[in-house]
Amino acid sequence: MKKWSIALLSLMLIAVLAACGNNKDADSGADNSAGAPRTVELKVGASPTPHAEILESIKPELEAQGIRLQVVTFNDYVQPNQQLADEKLDANFFQHQPYLDTENKERGFNLVAVTPVHVEPFGGYSKKIKSLDELADGAKVAIPNDPSNGGRALLLLAKEGIITLKDNTNITSTIQDITANPKNLDIIELDAAMMPRQLDEADLVFINANYALEANLNPANDALLIEDLQGNPYANILVSREDNKDADAIQKLAAALHSEEVKTFIKERYKGAVEPATE
């Protein structure tokens, strides 16, 4: 009986020691897991040029901070906001504040600007004329069909005295706001992405800089009329949802986009066609 008691006590002691050892291993594993760097996936929608190119340039910096950046490119201005609102993206980078304001109002989004990044001067281009003086009576002029970018085109025409608007400072002016059109311009509205293809059809075509760059046009050199960079209200912005704007990964992305390396990248790569924005 005594021998059985001793044997039973020995087995119990072994079991207790084994359990302690297992708990120690589990605690150690938890500590190692907590101490290991955690990689955060960040999915950002962007226009191919220059937005995606700028984002690609900061991937190594973000990777070093534990953020794996996935850049999803779009060739239109509709899907990036829709997919961000649907939580298929964490952020997007392709638009300016007036466009975002219009999208939120008309499509019921709750998207917010995180930070301005760069300015793309908007301009008018032509294959048919070399100066605005050659713009003939009844000339065909193509402008983007979204209110904010269409308004930019009309403001440029008004600034040159080619048309008159009800308010020559209203950035959301539409064709209906034209009060004088002495050259009887035939102004047509089309999707912004289609503008470069209109160069063979229209006499004057207004093209967003990202599409101009993709068409091998440089706004600084090729535009017949162009926006001023100083005080330009159309800085392109990093955008997120209201519910994730303060997330650590989003804020680190914003900081990386304002680094001196990015400013140098923009200046050297785009040579005046794109300029860093001031915060």
C-alpha atoms as a PDB file:
ATOM      1  CA  MET A   1       0.000   0.000   0.000  1.00  0.00           C
ATOM      2  CA  LYS A   2       2.819   2.328   0.944  1.00  0.00           C
ATOM      3  CA  LYS A   3       4.557   1.597  -2.342  1.00  0.00           C
ATOM      4  CA  TRP A   4       1.381   2.415  -4.273  1.00  0.00           C
ATOM      5  CA  SER A   5       1.061   5.721  -2.401  1.00  0.00           C
ATOM      6  CA  ILE A   6       4.635   6.673  -3.199  1.00  0.00           C
ATOM      7  CA  ALA A   7       4.137   5.763  -6.869  1.00  0.00           C
ATOM      8  CA  LEU A   8       0.916   7.778  -7.037  1.00  0.00           C
ATOM      9  CA  LEU A   9       2.590  10.809  -5.475  1.00  0.00           C
ATOM     10  CA  SER A  10       5.457  10.514  -7.957  1.00  0.00           C
ATOM     11  CA  LEU A  11       3.055  10.457 -10.905  1.00  0.00           C
ATOM     12  CA  MET A  12       1.198  13.476  -9.544  1.00  0.00           C
ATOM     13  CA  LEU A  13       4.473  15.388  -9.122  1.00  0.00           C
ATOM     14  CA  ILE A  14       5.527  14.581 -12.692  1.00  0.00           C
ATOM     15  CA  ALA A  15       2.148  15.779 -13.995  1.00  0.00           C
ATOM     16  CA  VAL A  16       2.412  19.046 -12.052  1.00  0.00           C
ATOM     17  CA  LEU A  17       5.947  19.691 -13.310  1.00  0.00           C
ATOM     18  CA  ALA A  18       4.888  18.942 -16.893  1.00  0.00           C
ATOM     19  CA  ALA A  19       1.961  21.343 -16.604  1.00  0.00           C
ATOM     20  CA  CYS A  20       4.244  24.064 -15.267  1.00  0.00           C
ATOM     21  CA  GLY A  21       6.611  23.480 -18.139  1.00  0.00           C
ATOM     22  CA  ASN A  22       3.788  23.720 -20.660  1.00  0.00           C
ATOM     23  CA  ASN A  23       2.518  26.952 -19.113  1.00  0.00           C
ATOM     24  CA  LYS A  24       6.000  28.413 -19.260  1.00  0.00           C
ATOM     25  CA  ASP A  25       6.233  27.493 -22.940  1.00  0.00           C
ATOM     26  CA  ALA A  26       2.816  29.070 -23.635  1.00  0.00           C
ATOM     27  CA  ASP A  27       3.763  32.252 -21.809  1.00  0.00           C
ATOM     28  CA  SER A  28       7.021  32.424 -23.725  1.00  0.00           C
ATOM     29  CA  GLY A  29       5.196  31.946 -27.018  1.00  0.00           C
ATOM     30  CA  ALA A  30       2.748  34.747 -26.205  1.00  0.00           C
ATOM     31  CA  ASP A  31       5.601  37.037 -25.298  1.00  0.00           C
ATOM     32  CA  ASN A  32       7.398  36.265 -28.544  1.00  0.00           C
ATOM     33  CA  SER A  33       4.211  36.854 -30.508  1.00  0.00           C
ATOM     34  CA  ALA A  34       3.600  40.175 -28.791  1.00  0.00           C
ATOM     35  CA  GLY A  35       7.183  41.246 -29.344  1.00  0.00           C
ATOM     36  CA  ALA A  36       7.278  40.336 -33.029  1.00  0.00           C
ATOM     37  CA  PRO A  37       6.669  43.212 -35.473  1.00  0.00           C
ATOM     38  CA  ARG A  38       3.144  43.089 -36.883  1.00  0.00           C
ATOM     39  CA  THR A  39       2.697  43.931 -40.568  1.00  0.00           C
ATOM     40  CA  VAL A  40      -0.348  46.013 -41.449  1.00  0.00           C
ATOM     41  CA  GLU A  41      -1.836  45.768 -44.935  1.00  0.00           C
ATOM     42  CA  LEU A  42      -2.860  49.125 -46.419  1.00  0.00           C
ATOM     43  CA  LYS A  43      -4.820  49.111 -49.678  1.00  0.00           C
ATOM     44  CA  VAL A  44      -4.879  52.438 -51.533  1.00  0.00           C
ATOM     45  CA  GLY A  45      -6.611  53.250 -54.815  1.00  0.00           C
ATOM     46  CA  ALA A  46      -4.877  55.677 -57.172  1.00  0.00           C
ATOM     47  CA  SER A  47      -4.681  57.008 -60.710  1.00  0.00           C
ATOM     48  CA  PRO A  48      -1.690  55.444 -62.515  1.00  0.00           C
ATOM     49  CA  THR A  49       0.142  58.749 -63.072  1.00  0.00           C
ATOM     50  CA  PRO A  50       1.399  60.460 -60.977  1.00  0.00           C
ATOM     51  CA  HIS A  51      -0.445  59.149 -57.924  1.00  0.00           C
ATOM     52  CA  ALA A  52       0.440  55.448 -58.088  1.00  0.00           C
ATOM     53  CA  GLU A  53       4.021  56.306 -59.038  1.00  0.00           C
ATOM     54  CA  ILE A  54       4.353  58.527 -55.973  1.00  0.00           C
ATOM     55  CA  LEU A  55       2.902  55.790 -53.761  1.00  0.00           C
ATOM     56  CA  GLU A  56       5.263  53.178 -55.212  1.00  0.00           C
ATOM     57  CA  SER A  57       8.205  55.425 -54.315  1.00  0.00           C
ATOM     58  CA  ILE A  58       7.374  55.277 -50.586  1.00  0.00           C
ATOM     59  CA  LYS A  59       6.761  51.534 -50.288  1.00  0.00           C
ATOM     60  CA  PRO A  60      10.210  50.798 -48.776  1.00  0.00           C
ATOM     61  CA  GLU A  61       9.802  53.525 -46.148  1.00  0.00           C
ATOM     62  CA  LEU A  62       6.401  52.206 -45.109  1.00  0.00           C
ATOM     63  CA  GLU A  63       7.611  48.593 -45.152  1.00  0.00           C
ATOM     64  CA  ALA A  64      10.280  49.563 -42.620  1.00  0.00           C
ATOM     65  CA  GLN A  65       7.465  50.856 -40.397  1.00  0.00           C
ATOM     66  CA  GLY A  66       5.521  47.595 -40.631  1.00  0.00           C
ATOM     67  CA  ILE A  67       3.088  48.734 -43.344  1.00  0.00           C
ATOM     68  CA  ARG A  68       2.698  46.729 -46.528  1.00  0.00           C
ATOM     69  CA  LEU A  69       1.262  49.128 -49.096  1.00  0.00           C
ATOM     70  CA  GLN A  70      -0.868  47.696 -51.892  1.00  0.00           C
ATOM     71  CA  VAL A  71      -1.543  50.177 -54.695  1.00  0.00           C
ATOM     72  CA  VAL A  72      -4.655  49.548 -56.798  1.00  0.00           C
ATOM     73  CA  THR A  73      -4.792  51.638 -59.983  1.00  0.00           C
ATOM     74  CA  PHE A  74      -7.948  53.050 -61.580  1.00  0.00           C
ATOM     75  CA  ASN A  75      -8.369  54.735 -64.949  1.00  0.00           C
ATOM     76  CA  ASP A  76     -11.562  56.535 -63.972  1.00  0.00           C
ATOM     77  CA  TYR A  77     -12.706  58.954 -61.268  1.00  0.00           C
ATOM     78  CA  VAL A  78     -15.786  56.950 -60.192  1.00  0.00           C
ATOM     79  CA  GLN A  79     -14.626  53.626 -58.755  1.00  0.00           C
ATOM     80  CA  PRO A  80     -11.936  54.832 -56.300  1.00  0.00           C
ATOM     81  CA  ASN A  81     -14.465  56.643 -54.095  1.00  0.00           C
ATOM     82  CA  GLN A  82     -17.111  53.941 -54.442  1.00  0.00           C
ATOM     83  CA  GLN A  83     -14.681  51.214 -53.392  1.00  0.00           C
ATOM     84  CA  LEU A  84     -13.371  53.307 -50.508  1.00  0.00           C
ATOM     85  CA  ALA A  85     -16.924  53.884 -49.274  1.00  0.00           C
ATOM     86  CA  ASP A  86     -17.585  50.129 -49.623  1.00  0.00           C
ATOM     87  CA  GLU A  87     -14.471  49.421 -47.487  1.00  0.00           C
ATOM     88  CA  LYS A  88     -12.736  47.608 -50.332  1.00  0.00           C
ATOM     89  CA  LEU A  89      -9.979  50.222 -50.008  1.00  0.00           C
ATOM     90  CA  ASP A  90      -8.431  51.844 -46.945  1.00  0.00           C
ATOM     91  CA  ALA A  91      -7.729  55.138 -48.721  1.00  0.00           C
ATOM     92  CA  ASN A  92      -7.472  56.670 -52.153  1.00  0.00           C
ATOM     93  CA  PHE A  93      -5.291  59.247 -53.846  1.00  0.00           C
ATOM     94  CA  PHE A  94      -6.484  60.770 -57.118  1.00  0.00           C
ATOM     95  CA  GLN A  95      -8.754  63.768 -56.485  1.00  0.00           C
ATOM     96  CA  HIS A  96      -8.915  67.344 -55.250  1.00  0.00           C
ATOM     97  CA  GLN A  97     -11.134  68.797 -52.525  1.00  0.00           C
ATOM     98  CA  PRO A  98     -13.822  70.328 -54.801  1.00  0.00           C
ATOM     99  CA  TYR A  99     -14.280  66.954 -56.521  1.00  0.00           C
ATOM    100  CA  LEU A 100     -14.493  65.158 -53.163  1.00  0.00           C
ATOM    101  CA  ASP A 101     -17.065  67.670 -51.919  1.00  0.00           C
ATOM    102  CA  THR A 102     -19.208  67.030 -54.993  1.00  0.00           C
ATOM    103  CA  GLU A 103     -18.908  63.254 -54.604  1.00  0.00           C
ATOM    104  CA  ASN A 104     -19.902  63.334 -50.932  1.00  0.00           C
ATOM    105  CA  LYS A 105     -22.899  65.530 -51.692  1.00  0.00           C
ATOM    106  CA  GLU A 106     -24.164  63.741 -54.789  1.00  0.00           C
ATOM    107  CA  ARG A 107     -23.359  60.134 -53.860  1.00  0.00           C
ATOM    108  CA  GLY A 108     -23.888  60.228 -50.109  1.00  0.00           C
ATOM    109  CA  PHE A 109     -20.336  59.267 -49.152  1.00  0.00           C
ATOM    110  CA  ASN A 110     -18.686  60.115 -45.850  1.00  0.00           C
ATOM    111  CA  LEU A 111     -15.130  60.465 -47.132  1.00  0.00           C
ATOM    112  CA  VAL A 112     -12.624  62.919 -45.709  1.00  0.00           C
ATOM    113  CA  ALA A 113      -9.390  64.561 -46.798  1.00  0.00           C
ATOM    114  CA  VAL A 114      -6.387  63.443 -44.756  1.00  0.00           C
ATOM    115  CA  THR A 115      -3.748  65.725 -46.284  1.00  0.00           C
ATOM    116  CA  PRO A 116      -2.915  67.575 -49.528  1.00  0.00           C
ATOM    117  CA  VAL A 117      -0.010  66.033 -51.443  1.00  0.00           C
ATOM    118  CA  HIS A 118       0.584  67.738 -54.786  1.00  0.00           C
ATOM    119  CA  VAL A 119      -0.855  70.148 -57.336  1.00  0.00           C
ATOM    120  CA  GLU A 120      -1.466  69.224 -60.977  1.00  0.00           C
ATOM    121  CA  PRO A 121      -2.084  72.355 -63.048  1.00  0.00           C
ATOM    122  CA  PHE A 122      -5.143  71.905 -65.256  1.00  0.00           C
ATOM    123  CA  GLY A 123      -4.821  73.117 -68.827  1.00  0.00           C
ATOM    124  CA  GLY A 124      -6.189  73.412 -72.333  1.00  0.00           C
ATOM    125  CA  TYR A 125      -4.389  71.648 -75.213  1.00  0.00           C
ATOM    126  CA  SER A 126      -4.695  71.563 -78.973  1.00  0.00           C
ATOM    127  CA  LYS A 127      -3.306  69.814 -82.035  1.00  0.00           C
ATOM    128  CA  LYS A 128      -5.111  72.245 -84.337  1.00  0.00           C
ATOM    129  CA  ILE A 129      -4.081  75.684 -83.109  1.00  0.00           C
ATOM    130  CA  LYS A 130      -0.867  77.073 -81.659  1.00  0.00           C
ATOM    131  CA  SER A 131      -2.320  80.018 -79.738  1.00  0.00           C
ATOM    132  CA  LEU A 132      -5.682  81.125 -78.399  1.00  0.00           C
ATOM    133  CA  ASP A 133      -5.730  83.899 -81.015  1.00  0.00           C
ATOM    134  CA  GLU A 134      -6.319  81.172 -83.615  1.00  0.00           C
ATOM    135  CA  LEU A 135      -9.475  79.917 -81.886  1.00  0.00           C
ATOM    136  CA  ALA A 136     -12.081  80.421 -84.622  1.00  0.00           C
ATOM    137  CA  ASP A 137     -15.741  81.304 -84.427  1.00  0.00           C
ATOM    138  CA  GLY A 138     -17.726  78.144 -83.705  1.00  0.00           C
ATOM    139  CA  ALA A 139     -14.647  76.204 -82.573  1.00  0.00           C
ATOM    140  CA  LYS A 140     -15.259  72.925 -80.754  1.00  0.00           C
ATOM    141  CA  VAL A 141     -14.091  72.948 -77.124  1.00  0.00           C
ATOM    142  CA  ALA A 142     -14.117  69.782 -74.980  1.00  0.00           C
ATOM    143  CA  ILE A 143     -14.335  70.019 -71.189  1.00  0.00           C
ATOM    144  CA  PRO A 144     -14.751  67.358 -68.440  1.00  0.00           C
ATOM    145  CA  ASN A 145     -18.350  66.549 -67.571  1.00  0.00           C
ATOM    146  CA  ASP A 146     -17.943  66.485 -63.791  1.00  0.00           C
ATOM    147  CA  PRO A 147     -18.876  69.819 -62.169  1.00  0.00           C
ATOM    148  CA  SER A 148     -15.594  70.583 -60.424  1.00  0.00           C
ATOM    149  CA  ASN A 149     -13.285  69.933 -63.386  1.00  0.00           C
ATOM    150  CA  GLY A 150     -15.730  71.350 -65.920  1.00  0.00           C
ATOM    151  CA  GLY A 151     -15.796  74.470 -63.781  1.00  0.00           C
ATOM    152  CA  ARG A 152     -12.016  74.679 -63.933  1.00  0.00           C
ATOM    153  CA  ALA A 153     -12.142  74.735 -67.729  1.00  0.00           C
ATOM    154  CA  LEU A 154     -14.804  77.441 -67.806  1.00  0.00           C
ATOM    155  CA  LEU A 155     -12.872  79.587 -65.327  1.00  0.00           C
ATOM    156  CA  LEU A 156      -9.777  79.396 -67.531  1.00  0.00           C
ATOM    157  CA  LEU A 157     -11.788  80.429 -70.583  1.00  0.00           C
ATOM    158  CA  ALA A 158     -13.322  83.294 -68.605  1.00  0.00           C
ATOM    159  CA  LYS A 159      -9.920  84.397 -67.331  1.00  0.00           C
ATOM    160  CA  GLU A 160      -8.739  84.703 -70.942  1.00  0.00           C
ATOM    161  CA  GLY A 161     -11.836  86.735 -71.825  1.00  0.00           C
ATOM    162  CA  ILE A 162     -13.086  84.074 -74.239  1.00  0.00           C
ATOM    163  CA  ILE A 163     -16.388  83.651 -72.379  1.00  0.00           C
ATOM    164  CA  THR A 164     -18.129  85.425 -69.506  1.00  0.00           C
ATOM    165  CA  LEU A 165     -19.701  83.675 -66.517  1.00  0.00           C
ATOM    166  CA  LYS A 166     -22.280  84.786 -63.976  1.00  0.00           C
ATOM    167  CA  ASP A 167     -19.458  84.600 -61.432  1.00  0.00           C
ATOM    168  CA  ASN A 168     -15.943  84.377 -62.840  1.00  0.00           C
ATOM    169  CA  THR A 169     -14.667  83.066 -59.484  1.00  0.00           C
ATOM    170  CA  ASN A 170     -17.168  80.230 -58.942  1.00  0.00           C
ATOM    171  CA  ILE A 171     -15.223  76.963 -59.188  1.00  0.00           C
ATOM    172  CA  THR A 172     -18.411  74.967 -59.755  1.00  0.00           C
ATOM    173  CA  SER A 173     -19.606  77.022 -62.733  1.00  0.00           C
ATOM    174  CA  THR A 174     -21.420  75.082 -65.465  1.00  0.00           C
ATOM    175  CA  ILE A 175     -22.279  75.714 -69.105  1.00  0.00           C
ATOM    176  CA  GLN A 176     -25.593  77.136 -67.894  1.00  0.00           C
ATOM    177  CA  ASP A 177     -23.635  79.889 -66.112  1.00  0.00           C
ATOM    178  CA  ILE A 178     -22.171  81.268 -69.364  1.00  0.00           C
ATOM    179  CA  THR A 179     -23.566  84.758 -69.967  1.00  0.00           C
ATOM    180  CA  ALA A 180     -21.503  85.647 -73.043  1.00  0.00           C
ATOM    181  CA  ASN A 181     -19.901  83.457 -75.708  1.00  0.00           C
ATOM    182  CA  PRO A 182     -18.794  85.897 -78.440  1.00  0.00           C
ATOM    183  CA  LYS A 183     -16.948  83.223 -80.457  1.00  0.00           C
ATOM    184  CA  ASN A 184     -20.015  80.949 -80.387  1.00  0.00           C
ATOM    185  CA  LEU A 185     -17.861  78.120 -79.086  1.00  0.00           C
ATOM    186  CA  ASP A 186     -19.373  74.649 -79.318  1.00  0.00           C
ATOM    187  CA  ILE A 187     -18.621  73.444 -75.792  1.00  0.00           C
ATOM    188  CA  ILE A 188     -19.078  69.697 -75.295  1.00  0.00           C
ATOM    189  CA  GLU A 189     -18.860  67.790 -72.013  1.00  0.00           C
ATOM    190  CA  LEU A 190     -17.256  64.352 -71.835  1.00  0.00           C
ATOM    191  CA  ASP A 191     -15.780  62.020 -69.241  1.00  0.00           C
ATOM    192  CA  ALA A 192     -12.401  63.311 -68.068  1.00  0.00           C
ATOM    193  CA  ALA A 193     -10.663  60.070 -69.064  1.00  0.00           C
ATOM    194  CA  MET A 194     -11.740  60.574 -72.696  1.00  0.00           C
ATOM    195  CA  MET A 195     -10.175  64.008 -73.067  1.00  0.00           C
ATOM    196  CA  PRO A 196      -6.807  63.042 -74.645  1.00  0.00           C
ATOM    197  CA  ARG A 197      -8.654  61.210 -77.446  1.00  0.00           C
ATOM    198  CA  GLN A 198     -10.524  64.419 -78.253  1.00  0.00           C
ATOM    199  CA  LEU A 199      -7.325  66.120 -79.394  1.00  0.00           C
ATOM    200  CA  ASP A 200      -7.921  64.763 -82.907  1.00  0.00           C
ATOM    201  CA  GLU A 201     -11.517  65.981 -82.911  1.00  0.00           C
ATOM    202  CA  ALA A 202     -11.822  69.242 -80.983  1.00  0.00           C
ATOM    203  CA  ASP A 203     -10.017  72.548 -81.437  1.00  0.00           C
ATOM    204  CA  LEU A 204      -9.312  72.980 -77.718  1.00  0.00           C
ATOM    205  CA  VAL A 205      -9.374  70.212 -75.110  1.00  0.00           C
ATOM    206  CA  PHE A 206      -9.154  70.616 -71.341  1.00  0.00           C
ATOM    207  CA  ILE A 207      -7.281  67.729 -69.743  1.00  0.00           C
ATOM    208  CA  ASN A 208      -6.531  66.865 -66.125  1.00  0.00           C
ATOM    209  CA  ALA A 209      -2.784  66.633 -65.623  1.00  0.00           C
ATOM    210  CA  ASN A 210      -2.766  62.932 -64.754  1.00  0.00           C
ATOM    211  CA  TYR A 211      -4.392  62.100 -68.097  1.00  0.00           C
ATOM    212  CA  ALA A 212      -2.180  64.635 -69.870  1.00  0.00           C
ATOM    213  CA  LEU A 213       0.944  62.955 -68.497  1.00  0.00           C
ATOM    214  CA  GLU A 214      -0.315  59.539 -69.608  1.00  0.00           C
ATOM    215  CA  ALA A 215      -0.754  61.026 -73.104  1.00  0.00           C
ATOM    216  CA  ASN A 216       2.865  62.284 -73.045  1.00  0.00           C
ATOM    217  CA  LEU A 217       1.810  65.899 -72.585  1.00  0.00           C
ATOM    218  CA  ASN A 218       3.534  68.176 -70.100  1.00  0.00           C
ATOM    219  CA  PRO A 219       1.211  70.881 -68.735  1.00  0.00           C
ATOM    220  CA  ALA A 220       4.126  73.231 -68.131  1.00  0.00           C
ATOM    221  CA  ASN A 221       5.245  73.069 -71.772  1.00  0.00           C
ATOM    222  CA  ASP A 222       2.322  71.963 -73.920  1.00  0.00           C
ATOM    223  CA  ALA A 223      -0.788  73.693 -72.569  1.00  0.00           C
ATOM    224  CA  LEU A 224      -2.106  76.767 -74.406  1.00  0.00           C
ATOM    225  CA  LEU A 225      -3.669  77.986 -71.172  1.00  0.00           C
ATOM    226  CA  ILE A 226      -3.013  76.695 -67.692  1.00  0.00           C
ATOM    227  CA  GLU A 227      -3.902  77.308 -64.064  1.00  0.00           C
ATOM    228  CA  ASP A 228      -1.594  79.168 -61.717  1.00  0.00           C
ATOM    229  CA  LEU A 229       0.149  77.009 -59.144  1.00  0.00           C
ATOM    230  CA  GLN A 230       0.149  79.712 -56.481  1.00  0.00           C
ATOM    231  CA  GLY A 231      -3.024  79.636 -54.411  1.00  0.00           C
ATOM    232  CA  ASN A 232      -4.375  76.747 -56.467  1.00  0.00           C
ATOM    233  CA  PRO A 233      -7.417  75.239 -54.665  1.00  0.00           C
ATOM    234  CA  TYR A 234      -7.105  71.931 -56.503  1.00  0.00           C
ATOM    235  CA  ALA A 235      -4.329  70.211 -54.557  1.00  0.00           C
ATOM    236  CA  ASN A 236      -4.638  66.440 -54.901  1.00  0.00           C
ATOM    237  CA  ILE A 237      -5.404  64.857 -51.557  1.00  0.00           C
ATOM    238  CA  LEU A 238      -5.061  61.592 -49.679  1.00  0.00           C
ATOM    239  CA  VAL A 239      -8.609  60.542 -48.764  1.00  0.00           C
ATOM    240  CA  SER A 240      -9.958  58.050 -46.243  1.00  0.00           C
ATOM    241  CA  ARG A 241     -13.251  57.308 -44.546  1.00  0.00           C
ATOM    242  CA  GLU A 242     -14.306  59.181 -41.446  1.00  0.00           C
ATOM    243  CA  ASP A 243     -13.989  55.962 -39.426  1.00  0.00           C
ATOM    244  CA  ASN A 244     -10.327  55.272 -40.277  1.00  0.00           C
ATOM    245  CA  LYS A 245      -8.800  58.718 -40.857  1.00  0.00           C
ATOM    246  CA  ASP A 246      -6.914  58.612 -37.537  1.00  0.00           C
ATOM    247  CA  ALA A 247      -5.624  55.050 -37.928  1.00  0.00           C
ATOM    248  CA  ASP A 248      -1.896  54.773 -37.316  1.00  0.00           C
ATOM    249  CA  ALA A 249      -1.186  53.335 -40.775  1.00  0.00           C
ATOM    250  CA  ILE A 250      -3.125  56.137 -42.507  1.00  0.00           C
ATOM    251  CA  GLN A 251      -1.276  58.804 -40.540  1.00  0.00           C
ATOM    252  CA  LYS A 252       2.092  57.196 -41.313  1.00  0.00           C
ATOM    253  CA  LEU A 253       1.158  57.132 -45.000  1.00  0.00           C
ATOM    254  CA  ALA A 254       0.287  60.837 -44.842  1.00  0.00           C
ATOM    255  CA  ALA A 255       3.605  61.622 -43.160  1.00  0.00           C
ATOM    256  CA  ALA A 256       5.537  59.639 -45.774  1.00  0.00           C
ATOM    257  CA  LEU A 257       3.804  61.560 -48.569  1.00  0.00           C
ATOM    258  CA  HIS A 258       5.134  64.784 -47.050  1.00  0.00           C
ATOM    259  CA  SER A 259       8.732  63.637 -46.758  1.00  0.00           C
ATOM    260  CA  GLU A 260      11.550  65.539 -48.433  1.00  0.00           C
ATOM    261  CA  GLU A 261      12.224  62.419 -50.500  1.00  0.00           C
ATOM    262  CA  VAL A 262       8.729  62.585 -52.010  1.00  0.00           C
ATOM    263  CA  LYS A 263       9.052  66.307 -52.738  1.00  0.00           C
ATOM    264  CA  THR A 264      12.341  65.638 -54.523  1.00  0.00           C
ATOM    265  CA  PHE A 265      10.809  62.691 -56.399  1.00  0.00           C
ATOM    266  CA  ILE A 266       7.930  64.876 -57.640  1.00  0.00           C
ATOM    267  CA  LYS A 267      10.164  67.739 -58.748  1.00  0.00           C
ATOM    268  CA  GLU A 268      12.717  65.547 -60.514  1.00  0.00           C
ATOM    269  CA  ARG A 269      10.271  63.147 -62.139  1.00  0.00           C
ATOM    270  CA  TYR A 270       7.596  65.534 -63.387  1.00  0.00           C
ATOM    271  CA  LYS A 271       9.662  68.654 -64.080  1.00  0.00           C
ATOM    272  CA  GLY A 272       6.972  71.240 -63.376  1.00  0.00           C
ATOM    273  CA  ALA A 273       3.989  69.200 -64.572  1.00  0.00           C
ATOM    274  CA  VAL A 274       3.316  68.325 -60.924  1.00  0.00           C
ATOM    275  CA  GLU A 275       4.406  70.283 -57.865  1.00  0.00           C
ATOM    276  CA  PRO A 276       4.387  69.397 -54.146  1.00  0.00           C
ATOM    277  CA  ALA A 277       1.509  70.982 -52.249  1.00  0.00           C
ATOM    278  CA  THR A 278       1.998  73.133 -49.188  1.00  0.00           C
ATOM    279  CA  GLU A 279       0.273  71.861 -46.063  1.00  0.00           C
END
